[in-house]
Amino acid sequence: MLKTALAAVTILSGTAALSIPAFVVSYASNRMAGGALMSPEKTIVEHAVNSADHTTLVAAVKAVGLVDTVNSERPFTVFAPTNAAFGMLPEGTVESLLKPENKDQLT
């Protein structure tokens, strides 16, 4: 069974949204996630967790409690910013957003 995911990632810094380059997860031929060929046997979560390029995204998805949602059976598309994209945010932004007390803002 194919498992894909839709997770729109919007990152806010103050009141401005940041547009981040992303890759689109699809099970068409030769789709890559973090340098590894994607497999329809793996879930979106499994692909992301195994990608060295998406550790910040994985941390954010875990911090807001979306792992089960993204790992569900529904059809999804994922636009997943890489660690380099998150690195373009002002210093301290990601670290601040990942704090438990900032869960609502991160969500």
N, C-alpha and C. Protein backbone atom coordinates (compact mmCIF):
# COMPACT_ATOMS: atom_id res chain seq x y z
N MET A 1 0.85 -1.17 0.00
CA MET A 1 0.00 0.00 0.00
C MET A 1 0.89 1.23 0.00
N LEU A 2 0.57 2.20 -0.83
CA LEU A 2 1.34 3.43 -0.87
C LEU A 2 0.95 4.32 0.30
N LYS A 3 1.93 4.88 0.95
CA LYS A 3 1.67 5.80 2.04
C LYS A 3 2.39 7.10 1.72
N THR A 4 1.63 8.16 1.56
CA THR A 4 2.22 9.47 1.33
C THR A 4 1.67 10.40 2.38
N ALA A 5 2.15 11.63 2.44
CA ALA A 5 1.70 12.52 3.50
C ALA A 5 1.60 13.97 3.07
N LEU A 6 0.70 14.72 3.72
CA LEU A 6 0.57 16.15 3.49
C LEU A 6 0.85 16.85 4.79
N ALA A 7 1.91 17.60 4.82
CA ALA A 7 2.24 18.40 5.98
C ALA A 7 2.72 19.74 5.47
N ALA A 8 1.89 20.71 5.56
CA ALA A 8 2.29 22.04 5.11
C ALA A 8 3.12 22.65 6.21
N VAL A 9 4.33 23.02 5.89
CA VAL A 9 5.22 23.59 6.88
C VAL A 9 5.32 25.08 6.64
N THR A 10 4.81 25.85 7.56
CA THR A 10 4.93 27.30 7.51
C THR A 10 5.72 27.71 8.73
N ILE A 11 6.77 28.45 8.51
CA ILE A 11 7.60 28.89 9.61
C ILE A 11 7.42 30.39 9.74
N LEU A 12 7.09 30.82 10.93
CA LEU A 12 6.87 32.23 11.16
C LEU A 12 7.98 32.79 12.02
N SER A 13 8.47 33.93 11.63
CA SER A 13 9.45 34.64 12.43
C SER A 13 8.85 36.01 12.67
N GLY A 14 8.42 36.24 13.89
CA GLY A 14 7.69 37.47 14.17
C GLY A 14 6.34 37.37 13.48
N THR A 15 6.07 38.26 12.55
CA THR A 15 4.79 38.22 11.84
C THR A 15 4.96 37.85 10.37
N ALA A 16 6.19 37.56 9.95
CA ALA A 16 6.43 37.27 8.53
C ALA A 16 6.62 35.78 8.31
N ALA A 17 5.95 35.24 7.33
CA ALA A 17 6.12 33.83 6.98
C ALA A 17 7.37 33.70 6.12
N LEU A 18 8.11 32.63 6.29
CA LEU A 18 9.32 32.38 5.53
C LEU A 18 9.05 31.30 4.51
N SER A 19 9.32 31.58 3.28
CA SER A 19 9.18 30.59 2.22
C SER A 19 10.45 29.77 2.18
N ILE A 20 10.31 28.46 2.25
CA ILE A 20 11.47 27.58 2.35
C ILE A 20 11.48 26.60 1.18
N PRO A 21 12.63 26.41 0.54
CA PRO A 21 12.70 25.38 -0.50
C PRO A 21 12.34 24.03 0.09
N ALA A 22 11.63 23.23 -0.65
CA ALA A 22 11.18 21.95 -0.12
C ALA A 22 11.26 20.89 -1.21
N PHE A 23 11.22 19.64 -0.82
CA PHE A 23 11.11 18.57 -1.79
C PHE A 23 9.72 17.98 -1.66
N VAL A 24 9.21 17.44 -2.72
CA VAL A 24 7.88 16.85 -2.71
C VAL A 24 8.04 15.34 -2.69
N VAL A 25 7.38 14.71 -1.74
CA VAL A 25 7.44 13.26 -1.60
C VAL A 25 6.39 12.65 -2.51
N SER A 26 6.81 11.76 -3.38
CA SER A 26 5.92 11.09 -4.30
C SER A 26 6.54 9.74 -4.61
N TYR A 27 5.72 8.78 -4.93
CA TYR A 27 6.28 7.47 -5.24
C TYR A 27 6.39 7.25 -6.74
N ALA A 28 6.52 8.31 -7.49
CA ALA A 28 6.85 8.17 -8.90
C ALA A 28 8.30 7.66 -8.96
N SER A 29 8.76 7.31 -10.11
CA SER A 29 10.09 6.72 -10.22
C SER A 29 11.20 7.66 -9.76
N ASN A 30 12.20 7.09 -9.11
CA ASN A 30 13.42 7.79 -8.71
C ASN A 30 13.22 8.98 -7.79
N ARG A 31 12.29 8.93 -6.86
CA ARG A 31 12.11 10.00 -5.90
C ARG A 31 13.06 9.76 -4.73
N MET A 32 13.70 10.83 -4.30
CA MET A 32 14.69 10.74 -3.24
C MET A 32 14.23 11.50 -2.00
N ALA A 33 14.66 11.03 -0.85
CA ALA A 33 14.45 11.73 0.41
C ALA A 33 15.78 11.70 1.16
N GLY A 34 16.39 12.85 1.31
CA GLY A 34 17.65 12.92 2.03
C GLY A 34 18.75 12.10 1.41
N GLY A 35 18.75 11.97 0.09
CA GLY A 35 19.78 11.23 -0.62
C GLY A 35 19.51 9.74 -0.76
N ALA A 36 18.39 9.26 -0.23
CA ALA A 36 18.05 7.84 -0.33
C ALA A 36 16.81 7.67 -1.20
N LEU A 37 16.81 6.63 -2.00
CA LEU A 37 15.66 6.32 -2.84
C LEU A 37 14.47 5.98 -1.95
N MET A 38 13.32 6.57 -2.26
CA MET A 38 12.13 6.32 -1.46
C MET A 38 11.48 5.00 -1.87
N SER A 39 10.80 4.39 -0.91
CA SER A 39 10.16 3.11 -1.14
C SER A 39 8.70 3.20 -0.74
N PRO A 40 7.80 2.64 -1.54
CA PRO A 40 6.38 2.66 -1.17
C PRO A 40 6.08 1.77 0.04
N GLU A 41 7.03 0.94 0.44
CA GLU A 41 6.83 0.09 1.62
C GLU A 41 7.09 0.85 2.92
N LYS A 42 7.74 2.02 2.83
CA LYS A 42 8.04 2.81 4.03
C LYS A 42 7.06 3.96 4.14
N THR A 43 6.81 4.35 5.38
CA THR A 43 5.94 5.50 5.61
C THR A 43 6.75 6.79 5.46
N ILE A 44 6.03 7.90 5.41
CA ILE A 44 6.68 9.20 5.36
C ILE A 44 7.57 9.39 6.59
N VAL A 45 7.09 8.98 7.73
CA VAL A 45 7.87 9.11 8.97
C VAL A 45 9.16 8.32 8.87
N GLU A 46 9.09 7.10 8.36
CA GLU A 46 10.29 6.27 8.22
C GLU A 46 11.30 6.91 7.27
N HIS A 47 10.83 7.49 6.18
CA HIS A 47 11.73 8.18 5.25
C HIS A 47 12.37 9.38 5.92
N ALA A 48 11.59 10.19 6.61
CA ALA A 48 12.12 11.40 7.24
C ALA A 48 13.11 11.08 8.35
N VAL A 49 12.78 10.10 9.19
CA VAL A 49 13.66 9.73 10.30
C VAL A 49 15.00 9.22 9.79
N ASN A 50 15.01 8.57 8.65
CA ASN A 50 16.25 8.03 8.09
C ASN A 50 17.00 9.03 7.22
N SER A 51 16.52 10.25 7.12
CA SER A 51 17.16 11.28 6.30
C SER A 51 17.99 12.21 7.17
N ALA A 52 19.28 12.25 6.95
CA ALA A 52 20.16 13.16 7.68
C ALA A 52 19.85 14.62 7.34
N ASP A 53 19.18 14.86 6.23
CA ASP A 53 18.86 16.23 5.80
C ASP A 53 17.58 16.77 6.42
N HIS A 54 16.85 15.96 7.18
CA HIS A 54 15.55 16.38 7.68
C HIS A 54 15.38 16.21 9.19
N THR A 55 16.47 16.25 9.93
CA THR A 55 16.40 16.05 11.37
C THR A 55 15.64 17.18 12.07
N THR A 56 15.76 18.41 11.57
CA THR A 56 15.04 19.53 12.18
C THR A 56 13.54 19.37 11.95
N LEU A 57 13.15 18.99 10.73
CA LEU A 57 11.74 18.76 10.44
C LEU A 57 11.18 17.65 11.33
N VAL A 58 11.92 16.57 11.48
CA VAL A 58 11.48 15.45 12.33
C VAL A 58 11.29 15.94 13.76
N ALA A 59 12.23 16.73 14.25
CA ALA A 59 12.11 17.27 15.62
C ALA A 59 10.86 18.14 15.75
N ALA A 60 10.57 18.94 14.74
CA ALA A 60 9.38 19.81 14.78
C ALA A 60 8.10 18.99 14.74
N VAL A 61 8.05 17.98 13.88
CA VAL A 61 6.86 17.13 13.79
C VAL A 61 6.63 16.41 15.12
N LYS A 62 7.70 15.94 15.74
CA LYS A 62 7.59 15.29 17.05
C LYS A 62 7.14 16.29 18.12
N ALA A 63 7.71 17.49 18.09
CA ALA A 63 7.42 18.50 19.11
C ALA A 63 5.95 18.91 19.12
N VAL A 64 5.30 18.90 17.95
CA VAL A 64 3.89 19.29 17.90
C VAL A 64 2.95 18.08 17.94
N GLY A 65 3.52 16.88 18.02
CA GLY A 65 2.70 15.68 18.16
C GLY A 65 2.01 15.24 16.88
N LEU A 66 2.65 15.43 15.73
CA LEU A 66 2.04 15.06 14.45
C LEU A 66 2.55 13.75 13.87
N VAL A 67 3.37 13.02 14.60
CA VAL A 67 3.92 11.77 14.05
C VAL A 67 2.81 10.82 13.65
N ASP A 68 1.84 10.58 14.52
CA ASP A 68 0.76 9.64 14.20
C ASP A 68 -0.08 10.14 13.02
N THR A 69 -0.32 11.43 12.94
CA THR A 69 -1.09 11.99 11.83
C THR A 69 -0.37 11.77 10.50
N VAL A 70 0.90 12.11 10.46
CA VAL A 70 1.68 11.96 9.23
C VAL A 70 1.92 10.50 8.90
N ASN A 71 1.85 9.64 9.90
CA ASN A 71 2.08 8.21 9.71
C ASN A 71 0.79 7.44 9.42
N SER A 72 -0.33 8.14 9.31
CA SER A 72 -1.62 7.48 9.12
C SER A 72 -1.79 6.98 7.69
N GLU A 73 -2.85 6.27 7.45
CA GLU A 73 -3.13 5.63 6.16
C GLU A 73 -3.62 6.59 5.08
N ARG A 74 -3.99 7.81 5.45
CA ARG A 74 -4.54 8.74 4.46
C ARG A 74 -3.50 9.08 3.40
N PRO A 75 -3.95 9.43 2.21
CA PRO A 75 -2.99 9.90 1.20
C PRO A 75 -2.54 11.31 1.54
N PHE A 76 -1.24 11.56 1.46
CA PHE A 76 -0.64 12.84 1.79
C PHE A 76 0.41 13.21 0.74
N THR A 77 0.77 14.46 0.75
CA THR A 77 1.95 14.96 0.04
C THR A 77 2.73 15.76 1.06
N VAL A 78 4.05 15.59 1.11
CA VAL A 78 4.86 16.31 2.09
C VAL A 78 5.77 17.30 1.38
N PHE A 79 5.75 18.52 1.84
CA PHE A 79 6.70 19.54 1.42
C PHE A 79 7.64 19.69 2.61
N ALA A 80 8.83 19.15 2.49
CA ALA A 80 9.71 19.01 3.65
C ALA A 80 10.97 19.86 3.53
N PRO A 81 11.02 20.94 4.33
CA PRO A 81 12.24 21.75 4.31
C PRO A 81 13.42 20.96 4.87
N THR A 82 14.57 21.18 4.30
CA THR A 82 15.79 20.52 4.77
C THR A 82 16.37 21.28 5.96
N ASN A 83 17.35 20.68 6.61
CA ASN A 83 18.05 21.36 7.70
C ASN A 83 18.66 22.67 7.21
N ALA A 84 19.17 22.68 5.98
CA ALA A 84 19.76 23.91 5.43
C ALA A 84 18.72 25.02 5.32
N ALA A 85 17.50 24.66 4.96
CA ALA A 85 16.43 25.67 4.88
C ALA A 85 16.12 26.23 6.26
N PHE A 86 16.01 25.35 7.26
CA PHE A 86 15.77 25.83 8.62
C PHE A 86 16.93 26.68 9.10
N GLY A 87 18.13 26.38 8.62
CA GLY A 87 19.32 27.14 8.99
C GLY A 87 19.31 28.57 8.49
N MET A 88 18.44 28.88 7.55
CA MET A 88 18.32 30.24 7.01
C MET A 88 17.49 31.14 7.93
N LEU A 89 16.85 30.57 8.93
CA LEU A 89 16.08 31.36 9.89
C LEU A 89 17.04 32.13 10.80
N PRO A 90 16.57 33.21 11.39
CA PRO A 90 17.43 33.94 12.34
C PRO A 90 17.92 33.01 13.45
N GLU A 91 19.13 33.25 13.89
CA GLU A 91 19.74 32.42 14.92
C GLU A 91 18.83 32.30 16.15
N GLY A 92 18.66 31.08 16.63
CA GLY A 92 17.87 30.81 17.82
C GLY A 92 16.39 30.55 17.56
N THR A 93 15.92 30.80 16.33
CA THR A 93 14.49 30.63 16.03
C THR A 93 14.04 29.20 16.20
N VAL A 94 14.74 28.26 15.57
CA VAL A 94 14.34 26.85 15.64
C VAL A 94 14.42 26.36 17.07
N GLU A 95 15.50 26.66 17.74
CA GLU A 95 15.68 26.20 19.12
C GLU A 95 14.53 26.71 19.99
N SER A 96 14.16 27.97 19.80
CA SER A 96 13.08 28.56 20.58
C SER A 96 11.74 27.88 20.28
N LEU A 97 11.47 27.66 18.99
CA LEU A 97 10.19 27.05 18.61
C LEU A 97 10.06 25.61 19.09
N LEU A 98 11.16 24.91 19.24
CA LEU A 98 11.12 23.51 19.66
C LEU A 98 10.92 23.34 21.17
N LYS A 99 10.94 24.43 21.92
CA LYS A 99 10.71 24.34 23.37
C LYS A 99 9.24 24.00 23.62
N PRO A 100 8.98 23.15 24.61
CA PRO A 100 7.59 22.74 24.90
C PRO A 100 6.64 23.93 25.10
N GLU A 101 7.11 24.98 25.71
CA GLU A 101 6.23 26.13 25.97
C GLU A 101 5.86 26.89 24.69
N ASN A 102 6.53 26.59 23.58
CA ASN A 102 6.24 27.26 22.31
C ASN A 102 5.53 26.35 21.30
N LYS A 103 4.96 25.24 21.81
CA LYS A 103 4.29 24.26 20.95
C LYS A 103 3.19 24.91 20.10
N ASP A 104 2.37 25.77 20.69
CA ASP A 104 1.30 26.41 19.92
C ASP A 104 1.85 27.27 18.80
N GLN A 105 2.91 28.01 19.06
CA GLN A 105 3.51 28.84 18.02
C GLN A 105 4.12 27.98 16.91
N LEU A 106 4.78 26.89 17.26
CA LEU A 106 5.37 26.00 16.28
C LEU A 106 4.27 25.35 15.43
N THR A 107 3.19 24.93 16.08
CA THR A 107 2.09 24.30 15.36
C THR A 107 1.52 25.25 14.35
